[in-house]
Amino acid sequence: MQTMTTEELELWLEFERLEGPLGPERDDLHSVQTSATVANMFRRQGSPTINPVDFVPDWSGERKEARTNRNIEAWMNFGKRMTEEGNRG
């Protein structure tokens, strides 16, 4: 097994600081961008824009209740819009 030098670790840390998180954390960010885009495409006219931050996993559970209520509402609106779109076509 090859080990990483301190210098190499410092370079990777600097790269991550400049480019954003690497690994699963970056996957989370890609997922929330997609989720927010889809939810905003189907939100009712005049309703507030859904922020990608609303979809960021809250591993600590601190924001869970407030975010859950907003997400439930967003997904209910999404479902209604999908149903309405399906009934039109």
PDB file of N, CA and C in Angstrom:
ATOM      1  N   MET A   1       0.843  -1.174   0.000  1.00  0.00           N
ATOM      2  CA  MET A   1       0.000   0.000   0.000  1.00  0.00           C
ATOM      3  C   MET A   1       0.889   1.238   0.000  1.00  0.00           C
ATOM      4  N   GLN A   2       0.564   2.162  -0.892  1.00  0.00           N
ATOM      5  CA  GLN A   2       1.347   3.386  -0.991  1.00  0.00           C
ATOM      6  C   GLN A   2       0.724   4.463  -0.104  1.00  0.00           C
ATOM      7  N   THR A   3       1.559   5.208   0.590  1.00  0.00           N
ATOM      8  CA  THR A   3       1.054   6.258   1.474  1.00  0.00           C
ATOM      9  C   THR A   3       1.184   7.621   0.802  1.00  0.00           C
ATOM     10  N   MET A   4       0.388   8.541   1.243  1.00  0.00           N
ATOM     11  CA  MET A   4       0.400   9.894   0.704  1.00  0.00           C
ATOM     12  C   MET A   4       1.335  10.742   1.554  1.00  0.00           C
ATOM     13  N   THR A   5       2.128  11.554   0.896  1.00  0.00           N
ATOM     14  CA  THR A   5       3.018  12.444   1.635  1.00  0.00           C
ATOM     15  C   THR A   5       2.220  13.636   2.173  1.00  0.00           C
ATOM     16  N   THR A   6       2.790  14.314   3.116  1.00  0.00           N
ATOM     17  CA  THR A   6       2.161  15.512   3.670  1.00  0.00           C
ATOM     18  C   THR A   6       1.982  16.562   2.585  1.00  0.00           C
ATOM     19  N   GLU A   7       2.976  16.696   1.734  1.00  0.00           N
ATOM     20  CA  GLU A   7       2.903  17.684   0.654  1.00  0.00           C
ATOM     21  C   GLU A   7       1.759  17.352  -0.303  1.00  0.00           C
ATOM     22  N   GLU A   8       1.601  16.069  -0.632  1.00  0.00           N
ATOM     23  CA  GLU A   8       0.532  15.664  -1.540  1.00  0.00           C
ATOM     24  C   GLU A   8      -0.840  15.910  -0.897  1.00  0.00           C
ATOM     25  N   LEU A   9      -0.959  15.608   0.384  1.00  0.00           N
ATOM     26  CA  LEU A   9      -2.200  15.864   1.101  1.00  0.00           C
ATOM     27  C   LEU A   9      -2.526  17.357   1.087  1.00  0.00           C
ATOM     28  N   GLU A  10      -1.525  18.191   1.319  1.00  0.00           N
ATOM     29  CA  GLU A  10      -1.740  19.639   1.304  1.00  0.00           C
ATOM     30  C   GLU A  10      -2.205  20.111  -0.074  1.00  0.00           C
ATOM     31  N   LEU A  11      -1.646  19.532  -1.138  1.00  0.00           N
ATOM     32  CA  LEU A  11      -2.072  19.884  -2.492  1.00  0.00           C
ATOM     33  C   LEU A  11      -3.533  19.490  -2.734  1.00  0.00           C
ATOM     34  N   TRP A  12      -3.915  18.296  -2.300  1.00  0.00           N
ATOM     35  CA  TRP A  12      -5.305  17.852  -2.468  1.00  0.00           C
ATOM     36  C   TRP A  12      -6.258  18.715  -1.653  1.00  0.00           C
ATOM     37  N   LEU A  13      -5.862  19.093  -0.441  1.00  0.00           N
ATOM     38  CA  LEU A  13      -6.695  19.963   0.383  1.00  0.00           C
ATOM     39  C   LEU A  13      -6.876  21.329  -0.269  1.00  0.00           C
ATOM     40  N   GLU A  14      -5.814  21.849  -0.844  1.00  0.00           N
ATOM     41  CA  GLU A  14      -5.899  23.133  -1.539  1.00  0.00           C
ATOM     42  C   GLU A  14      -6.770  23.010  -2.789  1.00  0.00           C
ATOM     43  N   PHE A  15      -6.625  21.926  -3.520  1.00  0.00           N
ATOM     44  CA  PHE A  15      -7.452  21.689  -4.698  1.00  0.00           C
ATOM     45  C   PHE A  15      -8.934  21.647  -4.301  1.00  0.00           C
ATOM     46  N   GLU A  16      -9.249  20.919  -3.233  1.00  0.00           N
ATOM     47  CA  GLU A  16     -10.630  20.819  -2.778  1.00  0.00           C
ATOM     48  C   GLU A  16     -11.158  22.176  -2.306  1.00  0.00           C
ATOM     49  N   ARG A  17     -10.302  22.958  -1.674  1.00  0.00           N
ATOM     50  CA  ARG A  17     -10.712  24.296  -1.236  1.00  0.00           C
ATOM     51  C   ARG A  17     -11.077  25.165  -2.437  1.00  0.00           C
ATOM     52  N   LEU A  18     -10.329  25.043  -3.526  1.00  0.00           N
ATOM     53  CA  LEU A  18     -10.578  25.849  -4.726  1.00  0.00           C
ATOM     54  C   LEU A  18     -11.731  25.310  -5.569  1.00  0.00           C
ATOM     55  N   GLU A  19     -11.825  24.010  -5.709  1.00  0.00           N
ATOM     56  CA  GLU A  19     -12.782  23.389  -6.624  1.00  0.00           C
ATOM     57  C   GLU A  19     -14.058  22.884  -5.962  1.00  0.00           C
ATOM     58  N   GLY A  20     -14.102  22.868  -4.649  1.00  0.00           N
ATOM     59  CA  GLY A  20     -15.266  22.334  -3.952  1.00  0.00           C
ATOM     60  C   GLY A  20     -14.996  20.916  -3.501  1.00  0.00           C
ATOM     61  N   PRO A  21     -15.964  20.326  -2.820  1.00  0.00           N
ATOM     62  CA  PRO A  21     -15.756  19.001  -2.231  1.00  0.00           C
ATOM     63  C   PRO A  21     -15.560  17.920  -3.284  1.00  0.00           C
ATOM     64  N   LEU A  22     -14.833  16.907  -2.886  1.00  0.00           N
ATOM     65  CA  LEU A  22     -14.589  15.745  -3.739  1.00  0.00           C
ATOM     66  C   LEU A  22     -15.355  14.556  -3.171  1.00  0.00           C
ATOM     67  N   GLY A  23     -15.573  13.561  -3.980  1.00  0.00           N
ATOM     68  CA  GLY A  23     -16.191  12.327  -3.501  1.00  0.00           C
ATOM     69  C   GLY A  23     -17.685  12.454  -3.277  1.00  0.00           C
ATOM     70  N   PRO A  24     -18.211  11.717  -2.307  1.00  0.00           N
ATOM     71  CA  PRO A  24     -19.663  11.679  -2.079  1.00  0.00           C
ATOM     72  C   PRO A  24     -20.276  13.044  -1.790  1.00  0.00           C
ATOM     73  N   GLU A  25     -19.538  13.930  -1.148  1.00  0.00           N
ATOM     74  CA  GLU A  25     -20.072  15.262  -0.860  1.00  0.00           C
ATOM     75  C   GLU A  25     -20.384  15.997  -2.161  1.00  0.00           C
ATOM     76  N   ARG A  26     -19.539  15.825  -3.158  1.00  0.00           N
ATOM     77  CA  ARG A  26     -19.791  16.474  -4.447  1.00  0.00           C
ATOM     78  C   ARG A  26     -20.995  15.846  -5.137  1.00  0.00           C
ATOM     79  N   ASP A  27     -21.169  14.539  -4.991  1.00  0.00           N
ATOM     80  CA  ASP A  27     -22.347  13.876  -5.546  1.00  0.00           C
ATOM     81  C   ASP A  27     -23.616  14.452  -4.936  1.00  0.00           C
ATOM     82  N   ASP A  28     -23.588  14.716  -3.624  1.00  0.00           N
ATOM     83  CA  ASP A  28     -24.740  15.336  -2.967  1.00  0.00           C
ATOM     84  C   ASP A  28     -25.059  16.682  -3.614  1.00  0.00           C
ATOM     85  N   LEU A  29     -24.032  17.470  -3.890  1.00  0.00           N
ATOM     86  CA  LEU A  29     -24.252  18.788  -4.488  1.00  0.00           C
ATOM     87  C   LEU A  29     -24.847  18.671  -5.882  1.00  0.00           C
ATOM     88  N   HIS A  30     -24.370  17.717  -6.672  1.00  0.00           N
ATOM     89  CA  HIS A  30     -24.947  17.509  -8.004  1.00  0.00           C
ATOM     90  C   HIS A  30     -26.409  17.095  -7.898  1.00  0.00           C
ATOM     91  N   SER A  31     -26.710  16.244  -6.956  1.00  0.00           N
ATOM     92  CA  SER A  31     -28.085  15.769  -6.777  1.00  0.00           C
ATOM     93  C   SER A  31     -29.023  16.893  -6.354  1.00  0.00           C
ATOM     94  N   VAL A  32     -28.568  17.759  -5.448  1.00  0.00           N
ATOM     95  CA  VAL A  32     -29.449  18.831  -5.001  1.00  0.00           C
ATOM     96  C   VAL A  32     -29.702  19.841  -6.109  1.00  0.00           C
ATOM     97  N   GLN A  33     -28.723  20.060  -6.972  1.00  0.00           N
ATOM     98  CA  GLN A  33     -28.931  20.968  -8.097  1.00  0.00           C
ATOM     99  C   GLN A  33     -30.011  20.414  -9.026  1.00  0.00           C
ATOM    100  N   THR A  34     -29.937  19.134  -9.307  1.00  0.00           N
ATOM    101  CA  THR A  34     -30.933  18.500 -10.167  1.00  0.00           C
ATOM    102  C   THR A  34     -32.304  18.515  -9.499  1.00  0.00           C
ATOM    103  N   SER A  35     -32.356  18.172  -8.232  1.00  0.00           N
ATOM    104  CA  SER A  35     -33.632  18.141  -7.508  1.00  0.00           C
ATOM    105  C   SER A  35     -34.291  19.517  -7.501  1.00  0.00           C
ATOM    106  N   ALA A  36     -33.526  20.548  -7.212  1.00  0.00           N
ATOM    107  CA  ALA A  36     -34.077  21.902  -7.167  1.00  0.00           C
ATOM    108  C   ALA A  36     -34.549  22.343  -8.548  1.00  0.00           C
ATOM    109  N   THR A  37     -33.803  22.004  -9.578  1.00  0.00           N
ATOM    110  CA  THR A  37     -34.197  22.370 -10.936  1.00  0.00           C
ATOM    111  C   THR A  37     -35.527  21.734 -11.308  1.00  0.00           C
ATOM    112  N   VAL A  38     -35.652  20.445 -11.042  1.00  0.00           N
ATOM    113  CA  VAL A  38     -36.903  19.740 -11.364  1.00  0.00           C
ATOM    114  C   VAL A  38     -38.051  20.308 -10.538  1.00  0.00           C
ATOM    115  N   ALA A  39     -37.845  20.508  -9.246  1.00  0.00           N
ATOM    116  CA  ALA A  39     -38.908  21.048  -8.395  1.00  0.00           C
ATOM    117  C   ALA A  39     -39.320  22.440  -8.855  1.00  0.00           C
ATOM    118  N   ASN A  40     -38.373  23.261  -9.263  1.00  0.00           N
ATOM    119  CA  ASN A  40     -38.704  24.609  -9.724  1.00  0.00           C
ATOM    120  C   ASN A  40     -39.421  24.603 -11.066  1.00  0.00           C
ATOM    121  N   MET A  41     -39.125  23.611 -11.895  1.00  0.00           N
ATOM    122  CA  MET A  41     -39.822  23.517 -13.182  1.00  0.00           C
ATOM    123  C   MET A  41     -41.319  23.299 -12.984  1.00  0.00           C
ATOM    124  N   PHE A  42     -41.684  22.624 -11.905  1.00  0.00           N
ATOM    125  CA  PHE A  42     -43.077  22.263 -11.690  1.00  0.00           C
ATOM    126  C   PHE A  42     -43.747  23.022 -10.543  1.00  0.00           C
ATOM    127  N   ARG A  43     -43.099  24.074 -10.048  1.00  0.00           N
ATOM    128  CA  ARG A  43     -43.732  24.828  -8.970  1.00  0.00           C
ATOM    129  C   ARG A  43     -44.811  25.724  -9.557  1.00  0.00           C
ATOM    130  N   ARG A  44     -45.764  26.055  -8.737  1.00  0.00           N
ATOM    131  CA  ARG A  44     -46.862  26.918  -9.169  1.00  0.00           C
ATOM    132  C   ARG A  44     -46.343  28.327  -9.434  1.00  0.00           C
ATOM    133  N   GLN A  45     -46.939  28.984 -10.429  1.00  0.00           N
ATOM    134  CA  GLN A  45     -46.564  30.355 -10.736  1.00  0.00           C
ATOM    135  C   GLN A  45     -46.829  31.228  -9.514  1.00  0.00           C
ATOM    136  N   GLY A  46     -45.863  32.039  -9.170  1.00  0.00           N
ATOM    137  CA  GLY A  46     -45.982  32.923  -8.021  1.00  0.00           C
ATOM    138  C   GLY A  46     -45.490  32.321  -6.715  1.00  0.00           C
ATOM    139  N   SER A  47     -45.274  30.995  -6.687  1.00  0.00           N
ATOM    140  CA  SER A  47     -44.754  30.392  -5.460  1.00  0.00           C
ATOM    141  C   SER A  47     -43.255  30.644  -5.382  1.00  0.00           C
ATOM    142  N   PRO A  48     -42.698  30.638  -4.180  1.00  0.00           N
ATOM    143  CA  PRO A  48     -41.272  30.952  -4.044  1.00  0.00           C
ATOM    144  C   PRO A  48     -40.380  29.926  -4.732  1.00  0.00           C
ATOM    145  N   THR A  49     -39.259  30.408  -5.234  1.00  0.00           N
ATOM    146  CA  THR A  49     -38.273  29.535  -5.854  1.00  0.00           C
ATOM    147  C   THR A  49     -37.665  28.621  -4.800  1.00  0.00           C
ATOM    148  N   ILE A  50     -37.495  27.368  -5.164  1.00  0.00           N
ATOM    149  CA  ILE A  50     -36.889  26.404  -4.258  1.00  0.00           C
ATOM    150  C   ILE A  50     -35.377  26.475  -4.425  1.00  0.00           C
ATOM    151  N   ASN A  51     -34.685  26.641  -3.334  1.00  0.00           N
ATOM    152  CA  ASN A  51     -33.243  26.773  -3.328  1.00  0.00           C
ATOM    153  C   ASN A  51     -32.593  25.393  -3.242  1.00  0.00           C
ATOM    154  N   PRO A  52     -31.527  25.136  -3.991  1.00  0.00           N
ATOM    155  CA  PRO A  52     -30.844  23.843  -3.870  1.00  0.00           C
ATOM    156  C   PRO A  52     -30.443  23.503  -2.443  1.00  0.00           C
ATOM    157  N   VAL A  53     -30.170  24.519  -1.623  1.00  0.00           N
ATOM    158  CA  VAL A  53     -29.790  24.271  -0.230  1.00  0.00           C
ATOM    159  C   VAL A  53     -30.892  23.506   0.508  1.00  0.00           C
ATOM    160  N   ASP A  54     -32.147  23.707   0.079  1.00  0.00           N
ATOM    161  CA  ASP A  54     -33.262  23.007   0.718  1.00  0.00           C
ATOM    162  C   ASP A  54     -33.171  21.495   0.551  1.00  0.00           C
ATOM    163  N   PHE A  55     -32.405  21.035  -0.423  1.00  0.00           N
ATOM    164  CA  PHE A  55     -32.272  19.604  -0.676  1.00  0.00           C
ATOM    165  C   PHE A  55     -30.965  19.002  -0.150  1.00  0.00           C
ATOM    166  N   VAL A  56     -30.113  19.840   0.430  1.00  0.00           N
ATOM    167  CA  VAL A  56     -28.837  19.343   0.956  1.00  0.00           C
ATOM    168  C   VAL A  56     -29.110  18.423   2.147  1.00  0.00           C
ATOM    169  N   PRO A  57     -28.533  17.235   2.149  1.00  0.00           N
ATOM    170  CA  PRO A  57     -28.750  16.340   3.284  1.00  0.00           C
ATOM    171  C   PRO A  57     -28.335  16.999   4.604  1.00  0.00           C
ATOM    172  N   ASP A  58     -29.153  16.813   5.605  1.00  0.00           N
ATOM    173  CA  ASP A  58     -28.891  17.366   6.936  1.00  0.00           C
ATOM    174  C   ASP A  58     -28.552  16.195   7.849  1.00  0.00           C
ATOM    175  N   TRP A  59     -27.323  15.755   7.776  1.00  0.00           N
ATOM    176  CA  TRP A  59     -26.920  14.549   8.489  1.00  0.00           C
ATOM    177  C   TRP A  59     -27.054  14.706   9.998  1.00  0.00           C
ATOM    178  N   SER A  60     -26.983  15.932  10.509  1.00  0.00           N
ATOM    179  CA  SER A  60     -27.070  16.139  11.954  1.00  0.00           C
ATOM    180  C   SER A  60     -28.517  16.186  12.439  1.00  0.00           C
ATOM    181  N   GLY A  61     -29.463  16.443  11.540  1.00  0.00           N
ATOM    182  CA  GLY A  61     -30.870  16.514  11.903  1.00  0.00           C
ATOM    183  C   GLY A  61     -31.310  17.861  12.435  1.00  0.00           C
ATOM    184  N   GLU A  62     -30.438  18.860  12.445  1.00  0.00           N
ATOM    185  CA  GLU A  62     -30.765  20.161  13.022  1.00  0.00           C
ATOM    186  C   GLU A  62     -31.832  20.913  12.236  1.00  0.00           C
ATOM    187  N   ARG A  63     -31.804  20.806  10.907  1.00  0.00           N
ATOM    188  CA  ARG A  63     -32.752  21.557  10.085  1.00  0.00           C
ATOM    189  C   ARG A  63     -33.898  20.686   9.592  1.00  0.00           C
ATOM    190  N   LYS A  64     -33.947  19.466  10.062  1.00  0.00           N
ATOM    191  CA  LYS A  64     -34.846  18.471   9.484  1.00  0.00           C
ATOM    192  C   LYS A  64     -36.313  18.896   9.468  1.00  0.00           C
ATOM    193  N   GLU A  65     -36.841  19.331  10.573  1.00  0.00           N
ATOM    194  CA  GLU A  65     -38.279  19.619  10.636  1.00  0.00           C
ATOM    195  C   GLU A  65     -38.682  20.738   9.677  1.00  0.00           C
ATOM    196  N   ALA A  66     -37.962  21.854   9.712  1.00  0.00           N
ATOM    197  CA  ALA A  66     -38.306  22.980   8.849  1.00  0.00           C
ATOM    198  C   ALA A  66     -38.155  22.606   7.378  1.00  0.00           C
ATOM    199  N   ARG A  67     -37.055  21.930   7.060  1.00  0.00           N
ATOM    200  CA  ARG A  67     -36.817  21.557   5.665  1.00  0.00           C
ATOM    201  C   ARG A  67     -37.807  20.506   5.205  1.00  0.00           C
ATOM    202  N   THR A  68     -38.156  19.580   6.080  1.00  0.00           N
ATOM    203  CA  THR A  68     -39.105  18.530   5.717  1.00  0.00           C
ATOM    204  C   THR A  68     -40.441  19.137   5.320  1.00  0.00           C
ATOM    205  N   ASN A  69     -40.910  20.106   6.081  1.00  0.00           N
ATOM    206  CA  ASN A  69     -42.184  20.745   5.753  1.00  0.00           C
ATOM    207  C   ASN A  69     -42.127  21.426   4.388  1.00  0.00           C
ATOM    208  N   ARG A  70     -41.041  22.127   4.089  1.00  0.00           N
ATOM    209  CA  ARG A  70     -40.903  22.779   2.779  1.00  0.00           C
ATOM    210  C   ARG A  70     -40.805  21.751   1.668  1.00  0.00           C
ATOM    211  N   ASN A  71     -40.048  20.673   1.891  1.00  0.00           N
ATOM    212  CA  ASN A  71     -39.898  19.656   0.854  1.00  0.00           C
ATOM    213  C   ASN A  71     -41.195  18.911   0.603  1.00  0.00           C
ATOM    214  N   ILE A  72     -41.947  18.633   1.651  1.00  0.00           N
ATOM    215  CA  ILE A  72     -43.239  17.960   1.467  1.00  0.00           C
ATOM    216  C   ILE A  72     -44.131  18.835   0.591  1.00  0.00           C
ATOM    217  N   GLU A  73     -44.180  20.109   0.902  1.00  0.00           N
ATOM    218  CA  GLU A  73     -44.992  21.029   0.110  1.00  0.00           C
ATOM    219  C   GLU A  73     -44.497  21.080  -1.343  1.00  0.00           C
ATOM    220  N   ALA A  74     -43.179  21.152  -1.526  1.00  0.00           N
ATOM    221  CA  ALA A  74     -42.626  21.204  -2.883  1.00  0.00           C
ATOM    222  C   ALA A  74     -42.963  19.946  -3.663  1.00  0.00           C
ATOM    223  N   TRP A  75     -42.815  18.787  -3.050  1.00  0.00           N
ATOM    224  CA  TRP A  75     -43.102  17.540  -3.767  1.00  0.00           C
ATOM    225  C   TRP A  75     -44.589  17.359  -4.007  1.00  0.00           C
ATOM    226  N   MET A  76     -45.438  17.871  -3.100  1.00  0.00           N
ATOM    227  CA  MET A  76     -46.876  17.805  -3.339  1.00  0.00           C
ATOM    228  C   MET A  76     -47.245  18.674  -4.536  1.00  0.00           C
ATOM    229  N   ASN A  77     -46.657  19.864  -4.606  1.00  0.00           N
ATOM    230  CA  ASN A  77     -46.888  20.733  -5.764  1.00  0.00           C
ATOM    231  C   ASN A  77     -46.380  20.081  -7.038  1.00  0.00           C
ATOM    232  N   PHE A  78     -45.237  19.432  -6.948  1.00  0.00           N
ATOM    233  CA  PHE A  78     -44.672  18.721  -8.095  1.00  0.00           C
ATOM    234  C   PHE A  78     -45.648  17.643  -8.573  1.00  0.00           C
ATOM    235  N   GLY A  79     -46.163  16.860  -7.638  1.00  0.00           N
ATOM    236  CA  GLY A  79     -47.095  15.793  -7.992  1.00  0.00           C
ATOM    237  C   GLY A  79     -48.364  16.334  -8.630  1.00  0.00           C
ATOM    238  N   LYS A  80     -48.877  17.439  -8.078  1.00  0.00           N
ATOM    239  CA  LYS A  80     -50.074  18.061  -8.647  1.00  0.00           C
ATOM    240  C   LYS A  80     -49.823  18.532 -10.073  1.00  0.00           C
ATOM    241  N   ARG A  81     -48.666  19.172 -10.276  1.00  0.00           N
ATOM    242  CA  ARG A  81     -48.344  19.674 -11.616  1.00  0.00           C
ATOM    243  C   ARG A  81     -48.173  18.528 -12.609  1.00  0.00           C
ATOM    244  N   MET A  82     -47.530  17.457 -12.177  1.00  0.00           N
ATOM    245  CA  MET A  82     -47.351  16.301 -13.059  1.00  0.00           C
ATOM    246  C   MET A  82     -48.709  15.716 -13.430  1.00  0.00           C
ATOM    247  N   THR A  83     -49.618  15.647 -12.463  1.00  0.00           N
ATOM    248  CA  THR A  83     -50.955  15.117 -12.720  1.00  0.00           C
ATOM    249  C   THR A  83     -51.695  16.031 -13.687  1.00  0.00           C
ATOM    250  N   GLU A  84     -51.612  17.333 -13.464  1.00  0.00           N
ATOM    251  CA  GLU A  84     -52.274  18.287 -14.352  1.00  0.00           C
ATOM    252  C   GLU A  84     -51.713  18.209 -15.764  1.00  0.00           C
ATOM    253  N   GLU A  85     -50.383  18.117 -15.885  1.00  0.00           N
ATOM    254  CA  GLU A  85     -49.754  18.014 -17.201  1.00  0.00           C
ATOM    255  C   GLU A  85     -50.208  16.735 -17.897  1.00  0.00           C
ATOM    256  N   GLY A  86     -50.293  15.642 -17.163  1.00  0.00           N
ATOM    257  CA  GLY A  86     -50.710  14.355 -17.731  1.00  0.00           C
ATOM    258  C   GLY A  86     -52.152  14.384 -18.173  1.00  0.00           C
ATOM    259  N   ASN A  87     -52.993  15.092 -17.444  1.00  0.00           N
ATOM    260  CA  ASN A  87     -54.419  15.164 -17.802  1.00  0.00           C
ATOM    261  C   ASN A  87     -54.663  16.039 -19.029  1.00  0.00           C
ATOM    262  N   ARG A  88     -53.735  16.953 -19.303  1.00  0.00           N
ATOM    263  CA  ARG A  88     -53.885  17.832 -20.474  1.00  0.00           C
ATOM    264  C   ARG A  88     -53.510  17.140 -21.764  1.00  0.00           C
ATOM    265  N   GLY A  89     -52.543  16.214 -21.668  1.00  0.00           N
ATOM    266  CA  GLY A  89     -52.003  15.648 -22.906  1.00  0.00           C
ATOM    267  C   GLY A  89     -52.496  14.308 -23.146  1.00  0.00           C
TER     268      GLY A  89
END
